[in-house]
All heavy atoms as atom14 arrays in JSON, in Angstrom:
{
  "sequence": "ADETPEGRSIVELGRQAGLSLEVPAGATAIAFSATTRQSGLDVDGRS",
  "atom14_mask": [
    [1, 1, 1, 1, 1, 0, 0, 0, 0, 0, 0, 0, 0, 0],
    [1, 1, 1, 1, 1, 1, 1, 1, 0, 0, 0, 0, 0, 0],
    [1, 1, 1, 1, 1, 1, 1, 1, 1, 0, 0, 0, 0, 0],
    [1, 1, 1, 1, 1, 1, 1, 0, 0, 0, 0, 0, 0, 0],
    [1, 1, 1, 1, 1, 1, 1, 0, 0, 0, 0, 0, 0, 0],
    [1, 1, 1, 1, 1, 1, 1, 1, 1, 0, 0, 0, 0, 0],
    [1, 1, 1, 1, 0, 0, 0, 0, 0, 0, 0, 0, 0, 0],
    [1, 1, 1, 1, 1, 1, 1, 1, 1, 1, 1, 0, 0, 0],
    [1, 1, 1, 1, 1, 1, 0, 0, 0, 0, 0, 0, 0, 0],
    [1, 1, 1, 1, 1, 1, 1, 1, 0, 0, 0, 0, 0, 0],
    [1, 1, 1, 1, 1, 1, 1, 0, 0, 0, 0, 0, 0, 0],
    [1, 1, 1, 1, 1, 1, 1, 1, 1, 0, 0, 0, 0, 0],
    [1, 1, 1, 1, 1, 1, 1, 1, 0, 0, 0, 0, 0, 0],
    [1, 1, 1, 1, 0, 0, 0, 0, 0, 0, 0, 0, 0, 0],
    [1, 1, 1, 1, 1, 1, 1, 1, 1, 1, 1, 0, 0, 0],
    [1, 1, 1, 1, 1, 1, 1, 1, 1, 0, 0, 0, 0, 0],
    [1, 1, 1, 1, 1, 0, 0, 0, 0, 0, 0, 0, 0, 0],
    [1, 1, 1, 1, 0, 0, 0, 0, 0, 0, 0, 0, 0, 0],
    [1, 1, 1, 1, 1, 1, 1, 1, 0, 0, 0, 0, 0, 0],
    [1, 1, 1, 1, 1, 1, 0, 0, 0, 0, 0, 0, 0, 0],
    [1, 1, 1, 1, 1, 1, 1, 1, 0, 0, 0, 0, 0, 0],
    [1, 1, 1, 1, 1, 1, 1, 1, 1, 0, 0, 0, 0, 0],
    [1, 1, 1, 1, 1, 1, 1, 0, 0, 0, 0, 0, 0, 0],
    [1, 1, 1, 1, 1, 1, 1, 0, 0, 0, 0, 0, 0, 0],
    [1, 1, 1, 1, 1, 0, 0, 0, 0, 0, 0, 0, 0, 0],
    [1, 1, 1, 1, 0, 0, 0, 0, 0, 0, 0, 0, 0, 0],
    [1, 1, 1, 1, 1, 0, 0, 0, 0, 0, 0, 0, 0, 0],
    [1, 1, 1, 1, 1, 1, 1, 0, 0, 0, 0, 0, 0, 0],
    [1, 1, 1, 1, 1, 0, 0, 0, 0, 0, 0, 0, 0, 0],
    [1, 1, 1, 1, 1, 1, 1, 1, 0, 0, 0, 0, 0, 0],
    [1, 1, 1, 1, 1, 0, 0, 0, 0, 0, 0, 0, 0, 0],
    [1, 1, 1, 1, 1, 1, 1, 1, 1, 1, 1, 0, 0, 0],
    [1, 1, 1, 1, 1, 1, 0, 0, 0, 0, 0, 0, 0, 0],
    [1, 1, 1, 1, 1, 0, 0, 0, 0, 0, 0, 0, 0, 0],
    [1, 1, 1, 1, 1, 1, 1, 0, 0, 0, 0, 0, 0, 0],
    [1, 1, 1, 1, 1, 1, 1, 0, 0, 0, 0, 0, 0, 0],
    [1, 1, 1, 1, 1, 1, 1, 1, 1, 1, 1, 0, 0, 0],
    [1, 1, 1, 1, 1, 1, 1, 1, 1, 0, 0, 0, 0, 0],
    [1, 1, 1, 1, 1, 1, 0, 0, 0, 0, 0, 0, 0, 0],
    [1, 1, 1, 1, 0, 0, 0, 0, 0, 0, 0, 0, 0, 0],
    [1, 1, 1, 1, 1, 1, 1, 1, 0, 0, 0, 0, 0, 0],
    [1, 1, 1, 1, 1, 1, 1, 1, 0, 0, 0, 0, 0, 0],
    [1, 1, 1, 1, 1, 1, 1, 0, 0, 0, 0, 0, 0, 0],
    [1, 1, 1, 1, 1, 1, 1, 1, 0, 0, 0, 0, 0, 0],
    [1, 1, 1, 1, 0, 0, 0, 0, 0, 0, 0, 0, 0, 0],
    [1, 1, 1, 1, 1, 1, 1, 1, 1, 1, 1, 0, 0, 0],
    [1, 1, 1, 1, 1, 1, 0, 0, 0, 0, 0, 0, 0, 0]
  ],
  "atom14_positions": [
    [[166.43, 272.4, -82.59], [167.62, 273.2, -82.89], [168.15, 272.96, -84.3], [169.22, 273.47, -84.66], [168.71, 272.9, -81.86], [0.0, 0.0, 0.0], [0.0, 0.0, 0.0], [0.0, 0.0, 0.0], [0.0, 0.0, 0.0], [0.0, 0.0, 0.0], [0.0, 0.0, 0.0], [0.0, 0.0, 0.0], [0.0, 0.0, 0.0], [0.0, 0.0, 0.0]],
    [[167.43, 272.18, -85.08], [167.85, 271.84, -86.44], [167.31, 272.87, -87.42], [166.09, 272.97, -87.63], [167.34, 270.44, -86.79], [167.85, 269.95, -88.14], [168.54, 270.73, -88.83], [167.55, 268.8, -88.5], [0.0, 0.0, 0.0], [0.0, 0.0, 0.0], [0.0, 0.0, 0.0], [0.0, 0.0, 0.0], [0.0, 0.0, 0.0], [0.0, 0.0, 0.0]],
    [[168.19, 273.67, -88.03], [167.78, 274.73, -88.94], [167.72, 274.29, -90.4], [167.51, 275.11, -91.29], [168.72, 275.93, -88.82], [168.58, 276.69, -87.51], [167.16, 277.23, -87.32], [166.58, 277.74, -88.31], [166.63, 277.12, -86.21], [0.0, 0.0, 0.0], [0.0, 0.0, 0.0], [0.0, 0.0, 0.0], [0.0, 0.0, 0.0], [0.0, 0.0, 0.0]],
    [[167.92, 273.0, -90.67], [167.82, 272.51, -92.04], [166.34, 272.47, -92.45], [165.45, 272.43, -91.6], [168.42, 271.11, -92.19], [167.64, 270.18, -91.42], [169.86, 271.09, -91.7], [0.0, 0.0, 0.0], [0.0, 0.0, 0.0], [0.0, 0.0, 0.0], [0.0, 0.0, 0.0], [0.0, 0.0, 0.0], [0.0, 0.0, 0.0], [0.0, 0.0, 0.0]],
    [[166.06, 272.49, -93.75], [164.67, 272.39, -94.18], [163.97, 271.14, -93.64], [162.79, 271.2, -93.29], [164.77, 272.35, -95.72], [166.04, 273.07, -96.02], [166.97, 272.7, -94.9], [0.0, 0.0, 0.0], [0.0, 0.0, 0.0], [0.0, 0.0, 0.0], [0.0, 0.0, 0.0], [0.0, 0.0, 0.0], [0.0, 0.0, 0.0], [0.0, 0.0, 0.0]],
    [[164.7, 270.02, -93.56], [164.11, 268.79, -93.03], [163.73, 268.97, -91.57], [162.64, 268.57, -91.13], [165.08, 267.62, -93.18], [165.33, 267.18, -94.61], [166.43, 268.0, -95.26], [166.91, 268.97, -94.63], [166.79, 267.68, -96.4], [0.0, 0.0, 0.0], [0.0, 0.0, 0.0], [0.0, 0.0, 0.0], [0.0, 0.0, 0.0], [0.0, 0.0, 0.0]],
    [[164.66, 269.58, -90.8], [164.37, 269.79, -89.38], [163.19, 270.7, -89.17], [162.33, 270.44, -88.32], [0.0, 0.0, 0.0], [0.0, 0.0, 0.0], [0.0, 0.0, 0.0], [0.0, 0.0, 0.0], [0.0, 0.0, 0.0], [0.0, 0.0, 0.0], [0.0, 0.0, 0.0], [0.0, 0.0, 0.0], [0.0, 0.0, 0.0], [0.0, 0.0, 0.0]],
    [[163.12, 271.78, -89.95], [162.0, 272.71, -89.8], [160.68, 272.06, -90.19], [159.63, 272.39, -89.63], [162.25, 273.96, -90.64], [163.35, 274.86, -90.09], [163.3, 276.25, -90.73], [163.57, 276.19, -92.16], [164.78, 276.28, -92.69], [165.84, 276.39, -91.91], [164.96, 276.24, -94.0], [0.0, 0.0, 0.0], [0.0, 0.0, 0.0], [0.0, 0.0, 0.0]],
    [[160.73, 271.15, -91.17], [159.48, 270.48, -91.57], [158.97, 269.57, -90.46], [157.75, 269.41, -90.3], [159.69, 269.7, -92.87], [160.45, 268.54, -92.66], [0.0, 0.0, 0.0], [0.0, 0.0, 0.0], [0.0, 0.0, 0.0], [0.0, 0.0, 0.0], [0.0, 0.0, 0.0], [0.0, 0.0, 0.0], [0.0, 0.0, 0.0], [0.0, 0.0, 0.0]],
    [[159.88, 268.97, -89.69], [159.46, 268.12, -88.57], [158.83, 268.98, -87.49], [157.8, 268.62, -86.9], [160.67, 267.33, -88.01], [161.21, 266.37, -89.08], [160.28, 266.55, -86.76], [162.53, 265.71, -88.71], [0.0, 0.0, 0.0], [0.0, 0.0, 0.0], [0.0, 0.0, 0.0], [0.0, 0.0, 0.0], [0.0, 0.0, 0.0], [0.0, 0.0, 0.0]],
    [[159.44, 270.13, -87.2], [158.87, 271.05, -86.22], [157.5, 271.53, -86.68], [156.56, 271.64, -85.89], [159.82, 272.25, -86.01], [159.17, 273.3, -85.12], [161.14, 271.78, -85.4], [0.0, 0.0, 0.0], [0.0, 0.0, 0.0], [0.0, 0.0, 0.0], [0.0, 0.0, 0.0], [0.0, 0.0, 0.0], [0.0, 0.0, 0.0], [0.0, 0.0, 0.0]],
    [[157.37, 271.8, -87.98], [156.08, 272.23, -88.52], [155.03, 271.14, -88.35], [153.86, 271.43, -88.06], [156.24, 272.58, -90.0], [154.97, 273.01, -90.71], [154.38, 274.28, -90.12], [155.13, 275.12, -89.6], [153.13, 274.41, -90.17], [0.0, 0.0, 0.0], [0.0, 0.0, 0.0], [0.0, 0.0, 0.0], [0.0, 0.0, 0.0], [0.0, 0.0, 0.0]],
    [[155.43, 269.89, -88.52], [154.51, 268.76, -88.31], [154.02, 268.76, -86.87], [152.84, 268.51, -86.61], [155.23, 267.45, -88.65], [154.35, 266.22, -88.91], [153.48, 266.43, -90.15], [155.23, 264.98, -89.1], [0.0, 0.0, 0.0], [0.0, 0.0, 0.0], [0.0, 0.0, 0.0], [0.0, 0.0, 0.0], [0.0, 0.0, 0.0], [0.0, 0.0, 0.0]],
    [[154.93, 269.05, -85.92], [154.53, 269.13, -84.52], [153.63, 270.32, -84.25], [152.68, 270.23, -83.45], [0.0, 0.0, 0.0], [0.0, 0.0, 0.0], [0.0, 0.0, 0.0], [0.0, 0.0, 0.0], [0.0, 0.0, 0.0], [0.0, 0.0, 0.0], [0.0, 0.0, 0.0], [0.0, 0.0, 0.0], [0.0, 0.0, 0.0], [0.0, 0.0, 0.0]],
    [[153.9, 271.44, -84.91], [153.07, 272.63, -84.72], [151.64, 272.34, -85.16], [150.68, 272.76, -84.5], [153.63, 273.8, -85.52], [152.79, 275.07, -85.39], [153.32, 276.21, -86.25], [154.55, 276.75, -85.68], [155.75, 276.65, -86.22], [155.88, 276.0, -87.38], [156.81, 277.17, -85.65], [0.0, 0.0, 0.0], [0.0, 0.0, 0.0], [0.0, 0.0, 0.0]],
    [[151.5, 271.63, -86.27], [150.16, 271.29, -86.75], [149.42, 270.38, -85.78], [148.19, 270.39, -85.73], [150.26, 270.63, -88.12], [150.76, 271.54, -89.21], [150.96, 270.82, -90.54], [150.71, 269.62, -90.65], [151.43, 271.55, -91.54], [0.0, 0.0, 0.0], [0.0, 0.0, 0.0], [0.0, 0.0, 0.0], [0.0, 0.0, 0.0], [0.0, 0.0, 0.0]],
    [[150.18, 269.64, -84.98], [149.56, 268.74, -83.99], [149.35, 269.44, -82.65], [148.87, 268.81, -81.69], [150.43, 267.51, -83.79], [0.0, 0.0, 0.0], [0.0, 0.0, 0.0], [0.0, 0.0, 0.0], [0.0, 0.0, 0.0], [0.0, 0.0, 0.0], [0.0, 0.0, 0.0], [0.0, 0.0, 0.0], [0.0, 0.0, 0.0], [0.0, 0.0, 0.0]],
    [[149.72, 270.71, -82.54], [149.49, 271.47, -81.32], [150.56, 271.33, -80.26], [150.31, 271.66, -79.09], [0.0, 0.0, 0.0], [0.0, 0.0, 0.0], [0.0, 0.0, 0.0], [0.0, 0.0, 0.0], [0.0, 0.0, 0.0], [0.0, 0.0, 0.0], [0.0, 0.0, 0.0], [0.0, 0.0, 0.0], [0.0, 0.0, 0.0], [0.0, 0.0, 0.0]],
    [[151.75, 270.86, -80.62], [152.82, 270.69, -79.64], [153.54, 272.01, -79.35], [153.59, 272.89, -80.21], [153.84, 269.67, -80.14], [153.32, 268.25, -80.38], [154.46, 267.35, -80.84], [152.68, 267.68, -79.11], [0.0, 0.0, 0.0], [0.0, 0.0, 0.0], [0.0, 0.0, 0.0], [0.0, 0.0, 0.0], [0.0, 0.0, 0.0], [0.0, 0.0, 0.0]],
    [[154.1, 272.12, -78.14], [154.9, 273.28, -77.77], [156.22, 273.23, -78.52], [156.85, 272.17, -78.6], [155.15, 273.29, -76.26], [156.03, 274.33, -75.92], [0.0, 0.0, 0.0], [0.0, 0.0, 0.0], [0.0, 0.0, 0.0], [0.0, 0.0, 0.0], [0.0, 0.0, 0.0], [0.0, 0.0, 0.0], [0.0, 0.0, 0.0], [0.0, 0.0, 0.0]],
    [[156.65, 274.37, -79.04], [157.82, 274.37, -79.91], [158.96, 275.24, -79.36], [159.85, 275.63, -80.1], [157.43, 274.87, -81.3], [156.32, 274.08, -81.98], [155.93, 274.74, -83.29], [156.74, 272.64, -82.23], [0.0, 0.0, 0.0], [0.0, 0.0, 0.0], [0.0, 0.0, 0.0], [0.0, 0.0, 0.0], [0.0, 0.0, 0.0], [0.0, 0.0, 0.0]],
    [[158.93, 275.54, -78.08], [159.98, 276.35, -77.48], [161.17, 275.47, -77.1], [161.01, 274.38, -76.56], [159.46, 277.05, -76.22], [158.37, 278.08, -76.49], [158.88, 279.25, -77.31], [160.08, 279.59, -77.16], [158.1, 279.81, -78.1], [0.0, 0.0, 0.0], [0.0, 0.0, 0.0], [0.0, 0.0, 0.0], [0.0, 0.0, 0.0], [0.0, 0.0, 0.0]],
    [[162.38, 275.97, -77.39], [163.59, 275.25, -76.99], [163.75, 275.44, -75.48], [163.8, 276.58, -75.0], [164.83, 275.79, -77.72], [166.08, 275.08, -77.25], [164.66, 275.65, -79.22], [0.0, 0.0, 0.0], [0.0, 0.0, 0.0], [0.0, 0.0, 0.0], [0.0, 0.0, 0.0], [0.0, 0.0, 0.0], [0.0, 0.0, 0.0], [0.0, 0.0, 0.0]],
    [[163.81, 274.36, -74.72], [163.93, 274.48, -73.26], [165.18, 275.24, -72.85], [166.21, 275.2, -73.53], [163.98, 273.02, -72.8], [163.38, 272.23, -73.91], [163.75, 272.96, -75.16], [0.0, 0.0, 0.0], [0.0, 0.0, 0.0], [0.0, 0.0, 0.0], [0.0, 0.0, 0.0], [0.0, 0.0, 0.0], [0.0, 0.0, 0.0], [0.0, 0.0, 0.0]],
    [[165.11, 275.95, -71.71], [166.26, 276.68, -71.19], [167.37, 275.7, -70.83], [167.12, 274.61, -70.28], [165.86, 277.49, -69.96], [0.0, 0.0, 0.0], [0.0, 0.0, 0.0], [0.0, 0.0, 0.0], [0.0, 0.0, 0.0], [0.0, 0.0, 0.0], [0.0, 0.0, 0.0], [0.0, 0.0, 0.0], [0.0, 0.0, 0.0], [0.0, 0.0, 0.0]],
    [[168.59, 276.07, -71.14], [169.74, 275.23, -70.81], [169.95, 274.06, -71.75], [170.79, 273.18, -71.48], [0.0, 0.0, 0.0], [0.0, 0.0, 0.0], [0.0, 0.0, 0.0], [0.0, 0.0, 0.0], [0.0, 0.0, 0.0], [0.0, 0.0, 0.0], [0.0, 0.0, 0.0], [0.0, 0.0, 0.0], [0.0, 0.0, 0.0], [0.0, 0.0, 0.0]],
    [[169.19, 274.04, -72.86], [169.32, 272.92, -73.8], [170.63, 273.02, -74.58], [171.12, 274.12, -74.85], [168.14, 272.9, -74.76], [0.0, 0.0, 0.0], [0.0, 0.0, 0.0], [0.0, 0.0, 0.0], [0.0, 0.0, 0.0], [0.0, 0.0, 0.0], [0.0, 0.0, 0.0], [0.0, 0.0, 0.0], [0.0, 0.0, 0.0], [0.0, 0.0, 0.0]],
    [[171.17, 271.88, -74.95], [172.39, 271.81, -75.76], [172.05, 271.17, -77.1], [171.56, 270.05, -77.15], [173.48, 270.97, -75.06], [173.78, 271.56, -73.79], [174.74, 270.94, -75.91], [0.0, 0.0, 0.0], [0.0, 0.0, 0.0], [0.0, 0.0, 0.0], [0.0, 0.0, 0.0], [0.0, 0.0, 0.0], [0.0, 0.0, 0.0], [0.0, 0.0, 0.0]],
    [[172.31, 271.92, -78.15], [172.03, 271.41, -79.49], [173.15, 270.49, -79.94], [174.33, 270.8, -79.77], [171.86, 272.56, -80.47], [0.0, 0.0, 0.0], [0.0, 0.0, 0.0], [0.0, 0.0, 0.0], [0.0, 0.0, 0.0], [0.0, 0.0, 0.0], [0.0, 0.0, 0.0], [0.0, 0.0, 0.0], [0.0, 0.0, 0.0], [0.0, 0.0, 0.0]],
    [[172.78, 269.37, -80.5], [173.74, 268.41, -81.05], [173.65, 268.51, -82.57], [172.67, 268.09, -83.18], [173.44, 266.97, -80.59], [173.32, 266.91, -79.06], [174.49, 266.02, -81.12], [174.58, 267.34, -78.34], [0.0, 0.0, 0.0], [0.0, 0.0, 0.0], [0.0, 0.0, 0.0], [0.0, 0.0, 0.0], [0.0, 0.0, 0.0], [0.0, 0.0, 0.0]],
    [[174.69, 269.1, -83.16], [174.68, 269.32, -84.61], [174.94, 268.04, -85.37], [175.61, 267.12, -84.86], [175.73, 270.37, -84.98], [0.0, 0.0, 0.0], [0.0, 0.0, 0.0], [0.0, 0.0, 0.0], [0.0, 0.0, 0.0], [0.0, 0.0, 0.0], [0.0, 0.0, 0.0], [0.0, 0.0, 0.0], [0.0, 0.0, 0.0], [0.0, 0.0, 0.0]],
    [[174.4, 268.0, -86.58], [174.64, 266.84, -87.45], [176.11, 266.82, -87.87], [176.7, 267.86, -88.12], [173.75, 266.94, -88.69], [173.96, 265.84, -89.68], [173.29, 264.64, -89.56], [174.85, 266.0, -90.74], [173.48, 263.62, -90.48], [175.06, 265.0, -91.66], [174.37, 263.8, -91.54], [0.0, 0.0, 0.0], [0.0, 0.0, 0.0], [0.0, 0.0, 0.0]],
    [[176.66, 265.62, -87.92], [178.03, 265.47, -88.41], [178.09, 264.26, -89.31], [177.27, 263.33, -89.19], [179.03, 265.32, -87.25], [178.91, 264.04, -86.65], [0.0, 0.0, 0.0], [0.0, 0.0, 0.0], [0.0, 0.0, 0.0], [0.0, 0.0, 0.0], [0.0, 0.0, 0.0], [0.0, 0.0, 0.0], [0.0, 0.0, 0.0], [0.0, 0.0, 0.0]],
    [[179.08, 264.27, -90.2], [179.24, 263.14, -91.12], [179.62, 261.87, -90.38], [179.41, 260.77, -90.87], [180.3, 263.48, -92.17], [0.0, 0.0, 0.0], [0.0, 0.0, 0.0], [0.0, 0.0, 0.0], [0.0, 0.0, 0.0], [0.0, 0.0, 0.0], [0.0, 0.0, 0.0], [0.0, 0.0, 0.0], [0.0, 0.0, 0.0], [0.0, 0.0, 0.0]],
    [[180.18, 262.04, -89.19], [180.62, 260.87, -88.41], [179.44, 260.17, -87.75], [179.25, 258.96, -87.87], [181.63, 261.28, -87.34], [182.73, 261.94, -87.96], [182.14, 260.07, -86.58], [0.0, 0.0, 0.0], [0.0, 0.0, 0.0], [0.0, 0.0, 0.0], [0.0, 0.0, 0.0], [0.0, 0.0, 0.0], [0.0, 0.0, 0.0], [0.0, 0.0, 0.0]],
    [[178.63, 260.95, -87.03], [177.51, 260.34, -86.3], [176.27, 260.18, -87.16], [175.44, 259.31, -86.9], [177.15, 261.2, -85.08], [176.68, 262.48, -85.54], [178.36, 261.41, -84.18], [0.0, 0.0, 0.0], [0.0, 0.0, 0.0], [0.0, 0.0, 0.0], [0.0, 0.0, 0.0], [0.0, 0.0, 0.0], [0.0, 0.0, 0.0], [0.0, 0.0, 0.0]],
    [[176.11, 261.05, -88.17], [174.93, 261.09, -89.04], [173.64, 261.22, -88.22], [172.61, 260.65, -88.54], [174.87, 259.86, -89.94], [175.99, 259.82, -90.97], [175.7, 258.79, -92.04], [175.74, 257.45, -91.49], [175.11, 256.4, -92.03], [174.4, 256.58, -93.13], [175.2, 255.22, -91.48], [0.0, 0.0, 0.0], [0.0, 0.0, 0.0], [0.0, 0.0, 0.0]],
    [[173.75, 261.98, -87.11], [172.62, 262.23, -86.23], [172.65, 263.69, -85.78], [173.68, 264.36, -85.86], [172.67, 261.35, -84.98], [172.57, 259.86, -85.22], [172.56, 259.11, -83.9], [171.52, 258.97, -83.26], [173.73, 258.62, -83.49], [0.0, 0.0, 0.0], [0.0, 0.0, 0.0], [0.0, 0.0, 0.0], [0.0, 0.0, 0.0], [0.0, 0.0, 0.0]],
    [[171.52, 264.18, -85.31], [171.44, 265.48, -84.67], [170.38, 265.38, -83.59], [169.59, 264.43, -83.56], [171.08, 266.57, -85.68], [169.79, 266.33, -86.24], [0.0, 0.0, 0.0], [0.0, 0.0, 0.0], [0.0, 0.0, 0.0], [0.0, 0.0, 0.0], [0.0, 0.0, 0.0], [0.0, 0.0, 0.0], [0.0, 0.0, 0.0], [0.0, 0.0, 0.0]],
    [[170.35, 266.33, -82.69], [169.35, 266.25, -81.63], [169.51, 267.32, -80.57], [170.06, 268.39, -80.83], [0.0, 0.0, 0.0], [0.0, 0.0, 0.0], [0.0, 0.0, 0.0], [0.0, 0.0, 0.0], [0.0, 0.0, 0.0], [0.0, 0.0, 0.0], [0.0, 0.0, 0.0], [0.0, 0.0, 0.0], [0.0, 0.0, 0.0], [0.0, 0.0, 0.0]],
    [[169.06, 267.01, -79.35], [169.0, 267.97, -78.26], [169.22, 267.24, -76.95], [168.71, 266.13, -76.74], [167.62, 268.66, -78.26], [167.48, 270.01, -77.58], [168.25, 271.06, -78.37], [166.01, 270.39, -77.49], [0.0, 0.0, 0.0], [0.0, 0.0, 0.0], [0.0, 0.0, 0.0], [0.0, 0.0, 0.0], [0.0, 0.0, 0.0], [0.0, 0.0, 0.0]],
    [[169.99, 267.87, -76.04], [170.2, 267.36, -74.68], [169.69, 268.41, -73.7], [170.06, 269.6, -73.8], [171.68, 267.09, -74.41], [172.19, 265.85, -75.14], [171.34, 265.05, -75.6], [173.41, 265.7, -75.26], [0.0, 0.0, 0.0], [0.0, 0.0, 0.0], [0.0, 0.0, 0.0], [0.0, 0.0, 0.0], [0.0, 0.0, 0.0], [0.0, 0.0, 0.0]],
    [[168.86, 267.98, -72.73], [168.31, 268.9, -71.73], [168.24, 268.18, -70.38], [167.54, 267.16, -70.26], [166.9, 269.4, -72.11], [166.4, 270.39, -71.06], [166.89, 270.03, -73.47], [0.0, 0.0, 0.0], [0.0, 0.0, 0.0], [0.0, 0.0, 0.0], [0.0, 0.0, 0.0], [0.0, 0.0, 0.0], [0.0, 0.0, 0.0], [0.0, 0.0, 0.0]],
    [[168.98, 268.7, -69.39], [168.9, 268.18, -68.02], [169.04, 266.66, -67.95], [168.24, 265.96, -67.31], [167.57, 268.6, -67.37], [167.43, 270.11, -67.24], [168.48, 270.77, -67.12], [166.28, 270.6, -67.28], [0.0, 0.0, 0.0], [0.0, 0.0, 0.0], [0.0, 0.0, 0.0], [0.0, 0.0, 0.0], [0.0, 0.0, 0.0], [0.0, 0.0, 0.0]],
    [[170.02, 266.14, -68.64], [170.29, 264.71, -68.57], [169.44, 263.87, -69.5], [169.65, 262.65, -69.61], [0.0, 0.0, 0.0], [0.0, 0.0, 0.0], [0.0, 0.0, 0.0], [0.0, 0.0, 0.0], [0.0, 0.0, 0.0], [0.0, 0.0, 0.0], [0.0, 0.0, 0.0], [0.0, 0.0, 0.0], [0.0, 0.0, 0.0], [0.0, 0.0, 0.0]],
    [[168.5, 264.49, -70.19], [167.68, 263.76, -71.15], [168.21, 264.04, -72.56], [168.83, 265.08, -72.81], [166.22, 264.18, -71.04], [165.6, 263.94, -69.66], [164.1, 264.01, -69.74], [163.57, 262.95, -70.6], [162.29, 262.86, -70.98], [161.44, 263.8, -70.62], [161.88, 261.87, -71.74], [0.0, 0.0, 0.0], [0.0, 0.0, 0.0], [0.0, 0.0, 0.0]],
    [[167.95, 263.11, -73.49], [168.47, 263.27, -74.85], [167.46, 262.79, -75.88], [166.69, 261.85, -75.63], [169.77, 262.49, -75.01], [169.53, 261.1, -74.91], [0.0, 0.0, 0.0], [0.0, 0.0, 0.0], [0.0, 0.0, 0.0], [0.0, 0.0, 0.0], [0.0, 0.0, 0.0], [0.0, 0.0, 0.0], [0.0, 0.0, 0.0], [0.0, 0.0, 0.0]]
  ]
}
C-alpha cells in the first residue's frame, strides 16, 4: 500500500522474484508518519 518510489521499488523486487502482488481483501494500510517512522499493512489480525 506504499505509493512512494521506495515502496514501489520493494514491490518491484518481489515481482522479479515471482511473488503475488495483490493487496488482500479487507487489508488496512498503515501510512508513514513522522511519529512512528514506519508504514505497513494489517490483514485479519496479522501485521
